[in-house]
């Protein structure tokens, strides 16, 4: 395995795309990255909610026997 020293790195040539291409790439990909950030935030909030509710459910502080829970057809066991 060859180590990449600062001297070797500086001696390397890099192809830099034109500004217009970089702007177009950013225009196309920015909404995708925004969606990823939003989904990660939502995942975190859902995990926190699950953890809080699960603790209450296990301890008996939260009862679900009287709730009218509607499951999607694919999740029904009838």
C-alpha atoms as a PDB file:
ATOM      1  CA  UNK A   1       0.000   0.000   0.000  1.00  0.00           C
ATOM      2  CA  UNK A   2       1.446   3.354  -1.011  1.00  0.00           C
ATOM      3  CA  UNK A   3       1.075   6.331   1.276  1.00  0.00           C
ATOM      4  CA  UNK A   4      -0.047   9.572  -0.295  1.00  0.00           C
ATOM      5  CA  UNK A   5       2.202  12.318   0.960  1.00  0.00           C
ATOM      6  CA  UNK A   6       1.463  16.016   0.710  1.00  0.00           C
ATOM      7  CA  UNK A   7       4.096  16.364  -2.011  1.00  0.00           C
ATOM      8  CA  UNK A   8       2.574  13.572  -4.103  1.00  0.00           C
ATOM      9  CA  UNK A   9      -0.891  14.980  -3.595  1.00  0.00           C
ATOM     10  CA  UNK A  10       0.132  18.482  -4.676  1.00  0.00           C
ATOM     11  CA  UNK A  11       1.837  17.068  -7.777  1.00  0.00           C
ATOM     12  CA  UNK A  12      -1.370  15.361  -8.923  1.00  0.00           C
ATOM     13  CA  UNK A  13      -3.529  16.905 -11.618  1.00  0.00           C
ATOM     14  CA  UNK A  14      -7.242  17.198 -10.974  1.00  0.00           C
ATOM     15  CA  UNK A  15     -10.009  17.772 -13.454  1.00  0.00           C
ATOM     16  CA  UNK A  16     -12.365  20.469 -12.230  1.00  0.00           C
ATOM     17  CA  UNK A  17     -15.743  20.669 -13.948  1.00  0.00           C
ATOM     18  CA  UNK A  18     -16.859  24.037 -15.309  1.00  0.00           C
ATOM     19  CA  UNK A  19     -18.835  26.312 -12.990  1.00  0.00           C
ATOM     20  CA  UNK A  20     -22.012  25.843 -15.024  1.00  0.00           C
ATOM     21  CA  UNK A  21     -21.845  22.053 -14.668  1.00  0.00           C
ATOM     22  CA  UNK A  22     -21.201  22.309 -10.916  1.00  0.00           C
ATOM     23  CA  UNK A  23     -24.154  24.679 -10.533  1.00  0.00           C
ATOM     24  CA  UNK A  24     -26.415  22.337 -12.506  1.00  0.00           C
ATOM     25  CA  UNK A  25     -25.271  19.370 -10.411  1.00  0.00           C
ATOM     26  CA  UNK A  26     -26.021  21.335  -7.234  1.00  0.00           C
ATOM     27  CA  UNK A  27     -29.429  22.392  -8.568  1.00  0.00           C
ATOM     28  CA  UNK A  28     -30.354  18.769  -9.258  1.00  0.00           C
ATOM     29  CA  UNK A  29     -28.888  17.168  -6.135  1.00  0.00           C
ATOM     30  CA  UNK A  30     -29.673  19.814  -3.491  1.00  0.00           C
ATOM     31  CA  UNK A  31     -33.324  18.701  -3.110  1.00  0.00           C
ATOM     32  CA  UNK A  32     -32.134  15.112  -2.682  1.00  0.00           C
ATOM     33  CA  UNK A  33     -29.735  16.062   0.078  1.00  0.00           C
ATOM     34  CA  UNK A  34     -32.467  18.162   1.713  1.00  0.00           C
ATOM     35  CA  UNK A  35     -34.772  15.125   1.627  1.00  0.00           C
ATOM     36  CA  UNK A  36     -32.079  12.944   3.214  1.00  0.00           C
ATOM     37  CA  UNK A  37     -31.629  15.497   6.028  1.00  0.00           C
ATOM     38  CA  UNK A  38     -35.394  15.635   6.570  1.00  0.00           C
ATOM     39  CA  UNK A  39     -35.725  11.840   6.636  1.00  0.00           C
ATOM     40  CA  UNK A  40     -32.825  11.488   9.097  1.00  0.00           C
ATOM     41  CA  UNK A  41     -34.458  14.060  11.393  1.00  0.00           C
ATOM     42  CA  UNK A  42     -37.812  12.249  11.111  1.00  0.00           C
ATOM     43  CA  UNK A  43     -36.124   8.909  11.839  1.00  0.00           C
ATOM     44  CA  UNK A  44     -34.531  10.371  14.955  1.00  0.00           C
ATOM     45  CA  UNK A  45     -37.850  11.771  16.200  1.00  0.00           C
ATOM     46  CA  UNK A  46     -39.628   8.474  15.523  1.00  0.00           C
ATOM     47  CA  UNK A  47     -36.914   6.550  17.382  1.00  0.00           C
ATOM     48  CA  UNK A  48     -37.218   8.875  20.371  1.00  0.00           C
ATOM     49  CA  UNK A  49     -40.999   8.516  20.366  1.00  0.00           C
ATOM     50  CA  UNK A  50     -40.739   4.729  20.120  1.00  0.00           C
ATOM     51  CA  UNK A  51     -38.302   4.591  23.038  1.00  0.00           C
ATOM     52  CA  UNK A  52     -40.506   6.785  25.233  1.00  0.00           C
ATOM     53  CA  UNK A  53     -43.688   4.882  24.391  1.00  0.00           C
ATOM     54  CA  UNK A  54     -42.075   1.460  24.733  1.00  0.00           C
ATOM     55  CA  UNK A  55     -40.857   2.251  28.248  1.00  0.00           C
ATOM     56  CA  UNK A  56     -44.331   3.409  29.264  1.00  0.00           C
ATOM     57  CA  UNK A  57     -45.939   0.369  27.643  1.00  0.00           C
ATOM     58  CA  UNK A  58     -43.630  -2.114  29.359  1.00  0.00           C
ATOM     59  CA  UNK A  59     -44.003  -0.416  32.754  1.00  0.00           C
ATOM     60  CA  UNK A  60     -47.802  -0.490  32.465  1.00  0.00           C
ATOM     61  CA  UNK A  61     -48.138   3.304  32.522  1.00  0.00           C
ATOM     62  CA  UNK A  62     -49.561   3.136  29.007  1.00  0.00           C
ATOM     63  CA  UNK A  63     -52.409   0.789  28.193  1.00  0.00           C
ATOM     64  CA  UNK A  64     -53.458  -0.003  24.662  1.00  0.00           C
ATOM     65  CA  UNK A  65     -56.169  -2.600  25.207  1.00  0.00           C
ATOM     66  CA  UNK A  66     -58.961  -0.008  24.875  1.00  0.00           C
ATOM     67  CA  UNK A  67     -57.523   1.695  21.801  1.00  0.00           C
ATOM     68  CA  UNK A  68     -59.151   1.190  18.421  1.00  0.00           C
ATOM     69  CA  UNK A  69     -55.992   0.461  16.426  1.00  0.00           C
ATOM     70  CA  UNK A  70     -56.486   0.023  12.689  1.00  0.00           C
ATOM     71  CA  UNK A  71     -53.797  -2.078  11.012  1.00  0.00           C
ATOM     72  CA  UNK A  72     -53.131  -1.943   7.274  1.00  0.00           C
ATOM     73  CA  UNK A  73     -54.546  -4.979   5.402  1.00  0.00           C
ATOM     74  CA  UNK A  74     -51.055  -6.460   4.893  1.00  0.00           C
ATOM     75  CA  UNK A  75     -50.461  -6.505   8.670  1.00  0.00           C
ATOM     76  CA  UNK A  76     -53.773  -8.083   9.687  1.00  0.00           C
ATOM     77  CA  UNK A  77     -53.740 -11.640  10.945  1.00  0.00           C
ATOM     78  CA  UNK A  78     -57.457 -12.382  10.372  1.00  0.00           C
END
